[in-house]
């Protein structure tokens, strides 16, 4: 059973055999695949042209356009629902408060300063290890609280490099 939330408002459930239900009632639809990421759905004698605009399989969300109107979808499969029932659904979303050295090395360049706002994936520093330069990126969105190292420092594996607030 898939649970789909539309615009963080409306909930739909679709069984694993892809039969949709609304408020527990099965609904009868006809689906025709058009080209690429477009389909046509017939429901209650009305035609709906659906286009998948954006799909993020890792985060299980999508943006679709239905007859020109844009909707954002959040999709949960049976495993996501089970984790939510067990209270373990937000463990992966816990905020990362520190960046640690993934290996011993030499800090070549620190690209941020205390107080900087960073986004997930932003470059934080360059660490040289085994004659290779490694770009250390931010694992989360946040504000740089404290920089524990400076250019030229030698660091050990798991040493704290940067703290976030």
Protein backbone atom coordinates (compact mmCIF):
# COMPACT_ATOMS: atom_id res chain seq x y z
CA UNK A 1 0.00 0.00 0.00
CA UNK A 2 1.38 3.39 -1.02
CA UNK A 3 0.33 6.53 0.80
CA UNK A 4 0.44 9.71 -1.27
CA UNK A 5 0.07 13.19 0.18
CA UNK A 6 -0.78 15.95 -2.31
CA UNK A 7 0.32 19.53 -1.46
CA UNK A 8 0.67 18.42 2.20
CA UNK A 9 -3.15 18.42 2.32
CA UNK A 10 -4.87 15.49 0.65
CA UNK A 11 -4.16 11.83 1.37
CA UNK A 12 -4.59 9.02 -1.13
CA UNK A 13 -3.81 5.34 -0.83
CA UNK A 14 -2.91 3.10 -3.71
CA UNK A 15 -2.68 -0.65 -3.21
CA UNK A 16 0.32 -2.59 -4.46
CA UNK A 17 -1.76 -3.68 -7.48
CA UNK A 18 -2.05 0.08 -8.27
CA UNK A 19 -5.79 0.36 -7.47
CA UNK A 20 -6.39 3.81 -5.94
CA UNK A 21 -8.66 4.45 -2.97
CA UNK A 22 -9.92 7.73 -1.54
CA UNK A 23 -11.13 7.69 2.08
CA UNK A 24 -11.03 3.88 1.96
CA UNK A 25 -13.29 3.66 -1.09
CA UNK A 26 -11.89 2.14 -4.26
CA UNK A 27 -12.18 4.41 -7.28
CA UNK A 28 -12.37 3.30 -10.88
CA UNK A 29 -9.95 4.99 -13.25
CA UNK A 30 -8.57 4.27 -16.70
CA UNK A 31 -4.93 5.12 -17.34
CA UNK A 32 -3.34 5.50 -20.77
CA UNK A 33 0.39 6.12 -21.14
CA UNK A 34 1.13 8.83 -23.66
CA UNK A 35 4.74 9.80 -24.34
CA UNK A 36 7.68 9.80 -21.95
CA UNK A 37 6.49 11.15 -18.62
CA UNK A 38 2.90 11.90 -19.64
CA UNK A 39 -0.27 9.89 -19.01
CA UNK A 40 -3.99 10.43 -19.46
CA UNK A 41 -6.44 9.45 -16.73
CA UNK A 42 -10.18 9.02 -17.21
CA UNK A 43 -12.21 9.37 -14.00
CA UNK A 44 -15.95 10.06 -13.66
CA UNK A 45 -16.25 10.83 -17.38
CA UNK A 46 -13.52 13.49 -17.15
CA UNK A 47 -10.10 13.41 -18.79
CA UNK A 48 -6.98 14.46 -16.89
CA UNK A 49 -3.62 15.01 -18.62
CA UNK A 50 -0.84 14.27 -16.14
CA UNK A 51 2.84 15.09 -16.61
CA UNK A 52 5.60 14.19 -14.16
CA UNK A 53 7.62 17.40 -13.98
CA UNK A 54 10.13 16.33 -11.32
CA UNK A 55 10.78 13.02 -9.56
CA UNK A 56 13.15 12.48 -6.64
CA UNK A 57 13.20 8.76 -5.93
CA UNK A 58 15.65 9.07 -3.06
CA UNK A 59 13.48 11.50 -1.09
CA UNK A 60 10.27 9.93 -2.44
CA UNK A 61 8.61 13.07 -3.71
CA UNK A 62 7.45 14.36 -7.06
CA UNK A 63 5.99 17.38 -8.80
CA UNK A 64 3.21 16.68 -11.29
CA UNK A 65 1.17 18.87 -13.59
CA UNK A 66 -2.50 17.92 -13.98
CA UNK A 67 -4.35 19.82 -16.72
CA UNK A 68 -1.90 22.69 -16.26
CA UNK A 69 -2.10 22.81 -12.43
CA UNK A 70 1.07 21.92 -10.48
CA UNK A 71 0.95 19.62 -7.44
CA UNK A 72 3.69 18.34 -5.14
CA UNK A 73 3.46 14.73 -3.99
CA UNK A 74 5.04 12.92 -1.08
CA UNK A 75 5.02 9.14 -1.44
CA UNK A 76 5.37 6.62 1.38
CA UNK A 77 5.65 2.89 0.76
CA UNK A 78 4.84 0.15 3.29
CA UNK A 79 8.33 0.41 4.85
CA UNK A 80 8.04 4.17 5.39
CA UNK A 81 4.62 3.65 6.98
CA UNK A 82 5.98 0.91 9.26
CA UNK A 83 8.86 3.14 10.38
CA UNK A 84 6.33 5.91 11.15
CA UNK A 85 4.22 3.49 13.22
CA UNK A 86 7.31 2.50 15.20
CA UNK A 87 8.28 6.14 15.71
CA UNK A 88 11.45 5.73 13.69
CA UNK A 89 10.45 7.82 10.67
CA UNK A 90 12.51 10.90 11.49
CA UNK A 91 15.78 9.25 12.49
CA UNK A 92 17.32 9.97 9.08
CA UNK A 93 16.20 13.58 9.31
CA UNK A 94 18.13 14.24 12.49
CA UNK A 95 20.24 17.33 12.15
CA UNK A 96 23.96 16.88 11.71
CA UNK A 97 25.77 19.12 14.18
CA UNK A 98 29.40 18.35 13.32
CA UNK A 99 31.58 17.56 10.33
CA UNK A 100 34.39 15.16 11.17
CA UNK A 101 37.48 14.27 9.19
CA UNK A 102 36.75 11.17 7.09
CA UNK A 103 40.49 10.33 7.07
CA UNK A 104 43.78 11.69 8.41
CA UNK A 105 45.14 14.55 6.34
CA UNK A 106 46.24 18.14 5.95
CA UNK A 107 43.78 21.06 5.78
CA UNK A 108 44.67 22.93 2.56
CA UNK A 109 41.90 25.52 2.59
CA UNK A 110 38.90 26.46 4.73
CA UNK A 111 36.17 27.84 2.46
CA UNK A 112 33.69 29.06 5.12
CA UNK A 113 33.84 31.22 8.21
CA UNK A 114 31.94 31.21 11.49
CA UNK A 115 28.41 32.55 11.06
CA UNK A 116 28.13 31.54 7.38
CA UNK A 117 24.84 30.01 6.23
CA UNK A 118 25.46 26.80 4.26
CA UNK A 119 23.21 24.50 2.29
CA UNK A 120 23.53 20.74 2.03
CA UNK A 121 26.25 19.98 -0.52
CA UNK A 122 28.09 23.32 -0.17
CA UNK A 123 31.89 23.02 -0.06
CA UNK A 124 33.34 23.60 3.41
CA UNK A 125 37.05 22.84 3.15
CA UNK A 126 39.75 21.05 1.18
CA UNK A 127 41.52 18.16 2.91
CA UNK A 128 44.65 16.59 1.41
CA UNK A 129 45.06 12.89 2.13
CA UNK A 130 47.48 10.54 0.39
CA UNK A 131 48.45 13.32 -2.07
CA UNK A 132 44.82 13.74 -3.18
CA UNK A 133 42.69 16.81 -2.58
CA UNK A 134 39.28 15.98 -1.10
CA UNK A 135 36.47 18.54 -1.04
CA UNK A 136 34.55 18.18 2.23
CA UNK A 137 30.92 19.19 1.70
CA UNK A 138 28.16 20.12 4.11
CA UNK A 139 25.90 17.18 5.04
CA UNK A 140 23.08 19.53 6.08
CA UNK A 141 21.65 23.04 5.87
CA UNK A 142 22.73 25.22 8.76
CA UNK A 143 24.89 27.95 10.21
CA UNK A 144 28.60 27.44 10.86
CA UNK A 145 28.92 27.77 14.63
CA UNK A 146 32.62 27.02 15.14
CA UNK A 147 35.55 26.14 12.91
CA UNK A 148 37.79 23.81 14.88
CA UNK A 149 40.71 23.83 12.42
CA UNK A 150 42.68 26.26 10.25
CA UNK A 151 44.63 26.08 7.03
CA UNK A 152 47.79 23.99 7.48
CA UNK A 153 46.46 21.89 10.38
CA UNK A 154 47.07 18.15 10.36
CA UNK A 155 43.93 16.25 11.37
CA UNK A 156 43.19 12.69 12.45
CA UNK A 157 40.29 10.52 11.33
CA UNK A 158 37.02 11.47 13.12
CA UNK A 159 38.46 14.75 14.43
CA UNK A 160 35.78 17.45 14.56
CA UNK A 161 36.41 20.01 11.81
CA UNK A 162 33.31 22.23 11.82
CA UNK A 163 30.34 22.54 14.20
CA UNK A 164 26.87 23.75 13.18
CA UNK A 165 24.22 25.50 15.25
